[in-house]
């Protein structure tokens, strides 16, 4: 399962059933950058943990993963 599929799945679940508190938009997701409890860490794909770390290191509270947004060489790119 790809990260985008997991994010879609998590957004459709009740908020207390998700490993992360997410907010979906028509084009992507707002993802928090805070540290994740070890209990949930194994459920989160490494690429998504990398995005969260990217935001955390830059002082962001959230990262918007958006299919129409610009890109950076610091993060991987995926086909939507």
Protein backbone atom coordinates (compact mmCIF):
# COMPACT_ATOMS: atom_id res chain seq x y z
CA UNK A 1 0.00 0.00 0.00
CA UNK A 2 1.34 3.42 -0.92
CA UNK A 3 1.56 6.34 1.49
CA UNK A 4 -1.22 8.21 -0.34
CA UNK A 5 -3.51 5.19 0.06
CA UNK A 6 -2.77 5.04 3.78
CA UNK A 7 -3.46 8.75 4.21
CA UNK A 8 -6.80 8.36 2.42
CA UNK A 9 -7.64 5.37 4.61
CA UNK A 10 -6.68 7.17 7.83
CA UNK A 11 -8.73 10.23 6.89
CA UNK A 12 -11.81 8.06 6.47
CA UNK A 13 -11.40 6.50 9.94
CA UNK A 14 -12.54 8.00 13.21
CA UNK A 15 -9.89 10.37 14.50
CA UNK A 16 -9.08 8.23 17.55
CA UNK A 17 -8.32 5.23 15.27
CA UNK A 18 -5.59 7.04 13.31
CA UNK A 19 -1.89 6.88 14.13
CA UNK A 20 -1.71 10.58 13.17
CA UNK A 21 -4.22 13.43 13.41
CA UNK A 22 -4.66 14.37 9.73
CA UNK A 23 -6.75 16.87 7.85
CA UNK A 24 -7.55 16.09 4.24
CA UNK A 25 -8.16 18.60 1.48
CA UNK A 26 -9.37 18.04 -2.09
CA UNK A 27 -5.73 18.00 -3.20
CA UNK A 28 -3.78 16.43 -0.33
CA UNK A 29 -3.32 16.34 3.44
CA UNK A 30 -2.13 18.47 6.34
CA UNK A 31 0.28 16.33 8.35
CA UNK A 32 1.52 17.27 11.84
CA UNK A 33 5.26 17.41 12.38
CA UNK A 34 5.38 16.51 16.07
CA UNK A 35 7.15 13.43 17.39
CA UNK A 36 5.15 10.20 17.09
CA UNK A 37 4.76 7.73 19.96
CA UNK A 38 6.73 4.51 19.42
CA UNK A 39 3.44 2.58 19.53
CA UNK A 40 2.35 4.24 16.26
CA UNK A 41 5.73 4.71 14.59
CA UNK A 42 5.72 1.26 12.96
CA UNK A 43 2.40 2.07 11.24
CA UNK A 44 3.78 5.16 9.50
CA UNK A 45 5.75 4.71 6.25
CA UNK A 46 9.37 5.85 6.30
CA UNK A 47 8.77 8.41 3.53
CA UNK A 48 6.02 10.05 5.58
CA UNK A 49 8.21 10.09 8.70
CA UNK A 50 10.82 11.84 6.53
CA UNK A 51 8.30 14.51 5.51
CA UNK A 52 7.36 15.02 9.14
CA UNK A 53 11.03 15.32 10.14
CA UNK A 54 11.61 17.81 7.30
CA UNK A 55 8.88 20.05 8.72
CA UNK A 56 9.97 19.61 12.32
CA UNK A 57 13.55 20.63 11.52
CA UNK A 58 12.25 23.83 9.92
CA UNK A 59 9.93 24.76 12.79
CA UNK A 60 6.69 23.91 10.96
CA UNK A 61 3.69 22.66 12.95
CA UNK A 62 2.20 21.00 9.86
CA UNK A 63 3.25 20.10 6.33
CA UNK A 64 0.76 20.28 3.48
CA UNK A 65 1.30 17.40 1.06
CA UNK A 66 -0.47 18.69 -2.05
CA UNK A 67 -0.48 17.23 -5.55
CA UNK A 68 -0.38 20.72 -7.12
CA UNK A 69 2.24 22.23 -4.81
CA UNK A 70 5.79 23.06 -5.72
CA UNK A 71 8.57 20.60 -5.01
CA UNK A 72 11.87 20.61 -3.18
CA UNK A 73 14.95 18.49 -3.75
CA UNK A 74 14.91 17.76 0.01
CA UNK A 75 11.86 15.49 -0.30
CA UNK A 76 10.96 12.57 -2.58
CA UNK A 77 8.38 13.05 -5.34
CA UNK A 78 5.63 10.57 -6.06
CA UNK A 79 3.11 10.16 -8.86
CA UNK A 80 -0.49 10.84 -7.76
